[in-house]
All heavy atoms as atom14 arrays in JSON, in Angstrom:
{
  "sequence": "GGVALPVRGPAPDSPVCIGFRPSAVVLSRDP",
  "atom14_mask": [
    [1, 1, 1, 1, 0, 0, 0, 0, 0, 0, 0, 0, 0, 0],
    [1, 1, 1, 1, 0, 0, 0, 0, 0, 0, 0, 0, 0, 0],
    [1, 1, 1, 1, 1, 1, 1, 0, 0, 0, 0, 0, 0, 0],
    [1, 1, 1, 1, 1, 0, 0, 0, 0, 0, 0, 0, 0, 0],
    [1, 1, 1, 1, 1, 1, 1, 1, 0, 0, 0, 0, 0, 0],
    [1, 1, 1, 1, 1, 1, 1, 0, 0, 0, 0, 0, 0, 0],
    [1, 1, 1, 1, 1, 1, 1, 0, 0, 0, 0, 0, 0, 0],
    [1, 1, 1, 1, 1, 1, 1, 1, 1, 1, 1, 0, 0, 0],
    [1, 1, 1, 1, 0, 0, 0, 0, 0, 0, 0, 0, 0, 0],
    [1, 1, 1, 1, 1, 1, 1, 0, 0, 0, 0, 0, 0, 0],
    [1, 1, 1, 1, 1, 0, 0, 0, 0, 0, 0, 0, 0, 0],
    [1, 1, 1, 1, 1, 1, 1, 0, 0, 0, 0, 0, 0, 0],
    [1, 1, 1, 1, 1, 1, 1, 1, 0, 0, 0, 0, 0, 0],
    [1, 1, 1, 1, 1, 1, 0, 0, 0, 0, 0, 0, 0, 0],
    [1, 1, 1, 1, 1, 1, 1, 0, 0, 0, 0, 0, 0, 0],
    [1, 1, 1, 1, 1, 1, 1, 0, 0, 0, 0, 0, 0, 0],
    [1, 1, 1, 1, 1, 1, 0, 0, 0, 0, 0, 0, 0, 0],
    [1, 1, 1, 1, 1, 1, 1, 1, 0, 0, 0, 0, 0, 0],
    [1, 1, 1, 1, 0, 0, 0, 0, 0, 0, 0, 0, 0, 0],
    [1, 1, 1, 1, 1, 1, 1, 1, 1, 1, 1, 0, 0, 0],
    [1, 1, 1, 1, 1, 1, 1, 1, 1, 1, 1, 0, 0, 0],
    [1, 1, 1, 1, 1, 1, 1, 0, 0, 0, 0, 0, 0, 0],
    [1, 1, 1, 1, 1, 1, 0, 0, 0, 0, 0, 0, 0, 0],
    [1, 1, 1, 1, 1, 0, 0, 0, 0, 0, 0, 0, 0, 0],
    [1, 1, 1, 1, 1, 1, 1, 0, 0, 0, 0, 0, 0, 0],
    [1, 1, 1, 1, 1, 1, 1, 0, 0, 0, 0, 0, 0, 0],
    [1, 1, 1, 1, 1, 1, 1, 1, 0, 0, 0, 0, 0, 0],
    [1, 1, 1, 1, 1, 1, 0, 0, 0, 0, 0, 0, 0, 0],
    [1, 1, 1, 1, 1, 1, 1, 1, 1, 1, 1, 0, 0, 0],
    [1, 1, 1, 1, 1, 1, 1, 1, 0, 0, 0, 0, 0, 0],
    [1, 1, 1, 1, 1, 1, 1, 0, 0, 0, 0, 0, 0, 0]
  ],
  "atom14_positions": [
    [[0.79, -1.22, 0.0], [0.0, 0.0, 0.0], [0.82, 1.27, 0.0], [0.29, 2.35, 0.27], [0.0, 0.0, 0.0], [0.0, 0.0, 0.0], [0.0, 0.0, 0.0], [0.0, 0.0, 0.0], [0.0, 0.0, 0.0], [0.0, 0.0, 0.0], [0.0, 0.0, 0.0], [0.0, 0.0, 0.0], [0.0, 0.0, 0.0], [0.0, 0.0, 0.0]],
    [[2.11, 1.17, -0.26], [2.94, 2.35, -0.32], [3.38, 2.9, 1.02], [3.92, 4.0, 1.1], [0.0, 0.0, 0.0], [0.0, 0.0, 0.0], [0.0, 0.0, 0.0], [0.0, 0.0, 0.0], [0.0, 0.0, 0.0], [0.0, 0.0, 0.0], [0.0, 0.0, 0.0], [0.0, 0.0, 0.0], [0.0, 0.0, 0.0], [0.0, 0.0, 0.0]],
    [[3.17, 2.14, 2.1], [3.58, 2.58, 3.43], [5.09, 2.39, 3.58], [5.62, 1.32, 3.26], [2.83, 1.8, 4.53], [3.4, 2.12, 5.91], [1.34, 2.13, 4.48], [0.0, 0.0, 0.0], [0.0, 0.0, 0.0], [0.0, 0.0, 0.0], [0.0, 0.0, 0.0], [0.0, 0.0, 0.0], [0.0, 0.0, 0.0], [0.0, 0.0, 0.0]],
    [[5.77, 3.41, 4.08], [7.22, 3.33, 4.31], [7.5, 3.76, 5.74], [7.08, 4.84, 6.17], [7.97, 4.23, 3.33], [0.0, 0.0, 0.0], [0.0, 0.0, 0.0], [0.0, 0.0, 0.0], [0.0, 0.0, 0.0], [0.0, 0.0, 0.0], [0.0, 0.0, 0.0], [0.0, 0.0, 0.0], [0.0, 0.0, 0.0], [0.0, 0.0, 0.0]],
    [[8.2, 2.9, 6.49], [8.54, 3.2, 7.88], [10.06, 3.23, 8.03], [10.74, 2.3, 7.58], [7.96, 2.15, 8.82], [6.44, 2.05, 8.9], [6.03, 0.91, 9.83], [5.81, 3.35, 9.36], [0.0, 0.0, 0.0], [0.0, 0.0, 0.0], [0.0, 0.0, 0.0], [0.0, 0.0, 0.0], [0.0, 0.0, 0.0], [0.0, 0.0, 0.0]],
    [[10.62, 4.27, 8.64], [12.07, 4.29, 8.88], [12.46, 3.25, 9.92], [11.76, 3.04, 10.92], [12.32, 5.71, 9.39], [11.01, 6.16, 9.95], [9.95, 5.49, 9.14], [0.0, 0.0, 0.0], [0.0, 0.0, 0.0], [0.0, 0.0, 0.0], [0.0, 0.0, 0.0], [0.0, 0.0, 0.0], [0.0, 0.0, 0.0], [0.0, 0.0, 0.0]],
    [[13.56, 2.56, 9.67], [14.06, 1.54, 10.6], [15.56, 1.75, 10.8], [16.2, 2.49, 10.05], [13.8, 0.1, 10.1], [12.32, -0.19, 10.05], [14.42, -0.11, 8.72], [0.0, 0.0, 0.0], [0.0, 0.0, 0.0], [0.0, 0.0, 0.0], [0.0, 0.0, 0.0], [0.0, 0.0, 0.0], [0.0, 0.0, 0.0], [0.0, 0.0, 0.0]],
    [[16.09, 1.08, 11.81], [17.52, 1.15, 12.07], [18.21, -0.09, 11.52], [17.66, -1.18, 11.54], [17.76, 1.29, 13.57], [17.27, 2.63, 14.12], [17.6, 2.81, 15.58], [17.29, 4.16, 16.02], [17.49, 4.6, 17.26], [18.0, 3.8, 18.17], [17.18, 5.85, 17.57], [0.0, 0.0, 0.0], [0.0, 0.0, 0.0], [0.0, 0.0, 0.0]],
    [[19.46, 0.1, 11.01], [20.23, -0.97, 10.38], [20.77, -1.95, 11.39], [20.49, -1.85, 12.57], [0.0, 0.0, 0.0], [0.0, 0.0, 0.0], [0.0, 0.0, 0.0], [0.0, 0.0, 0.0], [0.0, 0.0, 0.0], [0.0, 0.0, 0.0], [0.0, 0.0, 0.0], [0.0, 0.0, 0.0], [0.0, 0.0, 0.0], [0.0, 0.0, 0.0]],
    [[21.57, -2.91, 10.89], [22.01, -3.06, 9.48], [20.93, -3.66, 8.59], [20.0, -4.29, 9.07], [23.2, -4.0, 9.61], [22.89, -4.84, 10.81], [22.17, -3.93, 11.76], [0.0, 0.0, 0.0], [0.0, 0.0, 0.0], [0.0, 0.0, 0.0], [0.0, 0.0, 0.0], [0.0, 0.0, 0.0], [0.0, 0.0, 0.0], [0.0, 0.0, 0.0]],
    [[21.09, -3.45, 7.29], [20.12, -3.96, 6.32], [20.27, -5.47, 6.2], [21.37, -5.98, 6.02], [20.34, -3.3, 4.97], [0.0, 0.0, 0.0], [0.0, 0.0, 0.0], [0.0, 0.0, 0.0], [0.0, 0.0, 0.0], [0.0, 0.0, 0.0], [0.0, 0.0, 0.0], [0.0, 0.0, 0.0], [0.0, 0.0, 0.0], [0.0, 0.0, 0.0]],
    [[19.17, -6.23, 6.29], [19.25, -7.69, 6.17], [19.41, -8.11, 4.71], [19.07, -7.37, 3.79], [17.9, -8.15, 6.73], [16.98, -7.0, 6.45], [17.81, -5.75, 6.56], [0.0, 0.0, 0.0], [0.0, 0.0, 0.0], [0.0, 0.0, 0.0], [0.0, 0.0, 0.0], [0.0, 0.0, 0.0], [0.0, 0.0, 0.0], [0.0, 0.0, 0.0]],
    [[19.92, -9.33, 4.51], [20.11, -9.87, 3.16], [18.93, -10.73, 2.71], [18.79, -11.02, 1.53], [21.39, -10.71, 3.11], [22.63, -9.88, 3.4], [22.65, -8.71, 3.01], [23.55, -10.41, 4.05], [0.0, 0.0, 0.0], [0.0, 0.0, 0.0], [0.0, 0.0, 0.0], [0.0, 0.0, 0.0], [0.0, 0.0, 0.0], [0.0, 0.0, 0.0]],
    [[18.09, -11.17, 3.67], [16.99, -12.08, 3.34], [15.65, -11.39, 3.61], [15.6, -10.35, 4.27], [17.11, -13.35, 4.18], [17.15, -13.03, 5.55], [0.0, 0.0, 0.0], [0.0, 0.0, 0.0], [0.0, 0.0, 0.0], [0.0, 0.0, 0.0], [0.0, 0.0, 0.0], [0.0, 0.0, 0.0], [0.0, 0.0, 0.0], [0.0, 0.0, 0.0]],
    [[14.54, -11.96, 3.11], [13.22, -11.37, 3.35], [12.92, -11.25, 4.84], [13.25, -12.14, 5.63], [12.27, -12.35, 2.66], [13.11, -13.03, 1.64], [14.47, -13.13, 2.24], [0.0, 0.0, 0.0], [0.0, 0.0, 0.0], [0.0, 0.0, 0.0], [0.0, 0.0, 0.0], [0.0, 0.0, 0.0], [0.0, 0.0, 0.0], [0.0, 0.0, 0.0]],
    [[12.28, -10.15, 5.2], [12.02, -9.89, 6.61], [10.6, -9.38, 6.81], [9.9, -9.0, 5.87], [13.01, -8.86, 7.19], [14.42, -9.39, 7.22], [12.92, -7.54, 6.43], [0.0, 0.0, 0.0], [0.0, 0.0, 0.0], [0.0, 0.0, 0.0], [0.0, 0.0, 0.0], [0.0, 0.0, 0.0], [0.0, 0.0, 0.0], [0.0, 0.0, 0.0]],
    [[10.19, -9.37, 8.08], [8.98, -8.69, 8.53], [9.39, -7.59, 9.49], [10.36, -7.74, 10.24], [8.04, -9.65, 9.23], [7.25, -10.87, 8.15], [0.0, 0.0, 0.0], [0.0, 0.0, 0.0], [0.0, 0.0, 0.0], [0.0, 0.0, 0.0], [0.0, 0.0, 0.0], [0.0, 0.0, 0.0], [0.0, 0.0, 0.0], [0.0, 0.0, 0.0]],
    [[8.65, -6.49, 9.47], [8.86, -5.45, 10.46], [7.85, -5.66, 11.58], [6.69, -6.02, 11.33], [8.72, -4.04, 9.85], [9.07, -2.98, 10.9], [7.32, -3.81, 9.28], [9.14, -1.56, 10.34], [0.0, 0.0, 0.0], [0.0, 0.0, 0.0], [0.0, 0.0, 0.0], [0.0, 0.0, 0.0], [0.0, 0.0, 0.0], [0.0, 0.0, 0.0]],
    [[8.3, -5.49, 12.8], [7.43, -5.66, 13.94], [7.44, -4.43, 14.83], [8.48, -3.77, 14.97], [0.0, 0.0, 0.0], [0.0, 0.0, 0.0], [0.0, 0.0, 0.0], [0.0, 0.0, 0.0], [0.0, 0.0, 0.0], [0.0, 0.0, 0.0], [0.0, 0.0, 0.0], [0.0, 0.0, 0.0], [0.0, 0.0, 0.0], [0.0, 0.0, 0.0]],
    [[6.3, -4.12, 15.42], [6.22, -3.06, 16.41], [4.95, -3.28, 17.23], [3.96, -3.82, 16.76], [6.21, -1.66, 15.77], [5.22, -1.49, 14.64], [3.93, -1.02, 14.88], [5.59, -1.79, 13.33], [3.02, -0.86, 13.85], [4.68, -1.63, 12.3], [3.39, -1.16, 12.55], [0.0, 0.0, 0.0], [0.0, 0.0, 0.0], [0.0, 0.0, 0.0]],
    [[5.02, -2.86, 18.47], [3.92, -3.08, 19.4], [2.83, -2.01, 19.23], [3.13, -0.87, 18.84], [4.42, -3.09, 20.84], [5.35, -4.26, 21.1], [5.84, -4.32, 22.54], [6.63, -5.54, 22.71], [6.12, -6.73, 22.96], [4.82, -6.85, 23.12], [6.9, -7.79, 23.08], [0.0, 0.0, 0.0], [0.0, 0.0, 0.0], [0.0, 0.0, 0.0]],
    [[1.58, -2.35, 19.54], [0.51, -1.36, 19.46], [0.8, -0.09, 20.26], [0.45, 1.01, 19.83], [-0.7, -2.1, 20.02], [-0.42, -3.54, 19.7], [1.06, -3.69, 19.87], [0.0, 0.0, 0.0], [0.0, 0.0, 0.0], [0.0, 0.0, 0.0], [0.0, 0.0, 0.0], [0.0, 0.0, 0.0], [0.0, 0.0, 0.0], [0.0, 0.0, 0.0]],
    [[1.47, -0.24, 21.4], [1.77, 0.92, 22.23], [2.81, 1.84, 21.6], [2.98, 2.99, 22.04], [2.27, 0.47, 23.61], [3.42, -0.36, 23.48], [0.0, 0.0, 0.0], [0.0, 0.0, 0.0], [0.0, 0.0, 0.0], [0.0, 0.0, 0.0], [0.0, 0.0, 0.0], [0.0, 0.0, 0.0], [0.0, 0.0, 0.0], [0.0, 0.0, 0.0]],
    [[3.52, 1.36, 20.56], [4.53, 2.18, 19.89], [3.93, 3.05, 18.79], [4.6, 3.97, 18.3], [5.62, 1.29, 19.3], [0.0, 0.0, 0.0], [0.0, 0.0, 0.0], [0.0, 0.0, 0.0], [0.0, 0.0, 0.0], [0.0, 0.0, 0.0], [0.0, 0.0, 0.0], [0.0, 0.0, 0.0], [0.0, 0.0, 0.0], [0.0, 0.0, 0.0]],
    [[2.7, 2.78, 18.41], [2.07, 3.55, 17.32], [1.65, 4.92, 17.84], [0.97, 5.04, 18.87], [0.85, 2.8, 16.76], [0.18, 3.62, 15.67], [1.27, 1.43, 16.22], [0.0, 0.0, 0.0], [0.0, 0.0, 0.0], [0.0, 0.0, 0.0], [0.0, 0.0, 0.0], [0.0, 0.0, 0.0], [0.0, 0.0, 0.0], [0.0, 0.0, 0.0]],
    [[2.06, 5.94, 17.12], [1.71, 7.33, 17.47], [0.57, 7.76, 16.55], [0.69, 7.71, 15.32], [2.92, 8.27, 17.3], [2.52, 9.71, 17.65], [4.08, 7.8, 18.16], [0.0, 0.0, 0.0], [0.0, 0.0, 0.0], [0.0, 0.0, 0.0], [0.0, 0.0, 0.0], [0.0, 0.0, 0.0], [0.0, 0.0, 0.0], [0.0, 0.0, 0.0]],
    [[-0.55, 8.19, 17.16], [-1.73, 8.59, 16.4], [-1.95, 10.1, 16.48], [-1.64, 10.72, 17.5], [-2.98, 7.88, 16.92], [-3.06, 6.36, 16.74], [-4.39, 5.86, 17.28], [-2.89, 5.98, 15.29], [0.0, 0.0, 0.0], [0.0, 0.0, 0.0], [0.0, 0.0, 0.0], [0.0, 0.0, 0.0], [0.0, 0.0, 0.0], [0.0, 0.0, 0.0]],
    [[-2.53, 10.63, 15.41], [-2.88, 12.05, 15.39], [-4.13, 12.23, 14.53], [-4.31, 11.54, 13.53], [-1.73, 12.89, 14.83], [-2.14, 14.24, 14.65], [0.0, 0.0, 0.0], [0.0, 0.0, 0.0], [0.0, 0.0, 0.0], [0.0, 0.0, 0.0], [0.0, 0.0, 0.0], [0.0, 0.0, 0.0], [0.0, 0.0, 0.0], [0.0, 0.0, 0.0]],
    [[-4.98, 13.17, 14.92], [-6.14, 13.5, 14.1], [-5.75, 14.44, 12.96], [-6.47, 14.55, 11.97], [-7.21, 14.18, 14.95], [-7.78, 13.31, 16.06], [-8.88, 14.06, 16.8], [-9.44, 13.29, 17.91], [-8.96, 13.29, 19.14], [-7.89, 14.03, 19.43], [-9.52, 12.56, 20.09], [0.0, 0.0, 0.0], [0.0, 0.0, 0.0], [0.0, 0.0, 0.0]],
    [[-4.64, 15.13, 13.13], [-4.21, 16.13, 12.15], [-2.98, 15.63, 11.38], [-2.21, 14.83, 11.89], [-3.87, 17.44, 12.87], [-5.04, 17.96, 13.68], [-6.16, 17.98, 13.13], [-4.82, 18.32, 14.86], [0.0, 0.0, 0.0], [0.0, 0.0, 0.0], [0.0, 0.0, 0.0], [0.0, 0.0, 0.0], [0.0, 0.0, 0.0], [0.0, 0.0, 0.0]],
    [[-2.79, 16.13, 10.15], [-1.62, 15.71, 9.38], [-0.31, 16.0, 10.1], [-0.15, 17.04, 10.73], [-1.74, 16.55, 8.1], [-3.18, 16.9, 8.0], [-3.66, 17.06, 9.42], [0.0, 0.0, 0.0], [0.0, 0.0, 0.0], [0.0, 0.0, 0.0], [0.0, 0.0, 0.0], [0.0, 0.0, 0.0], [0.0, 0.0, 0.0], [0.0, 0.0, 0.0]]
  ]
}
């Protein structure tokens, strides 16, 4: 869907999943 999230390295060589906890999500009503 075109979503891009910044992550910290190093860059992996194989396919990966990104993980993050619900409490880490920052929400806003405004842009």
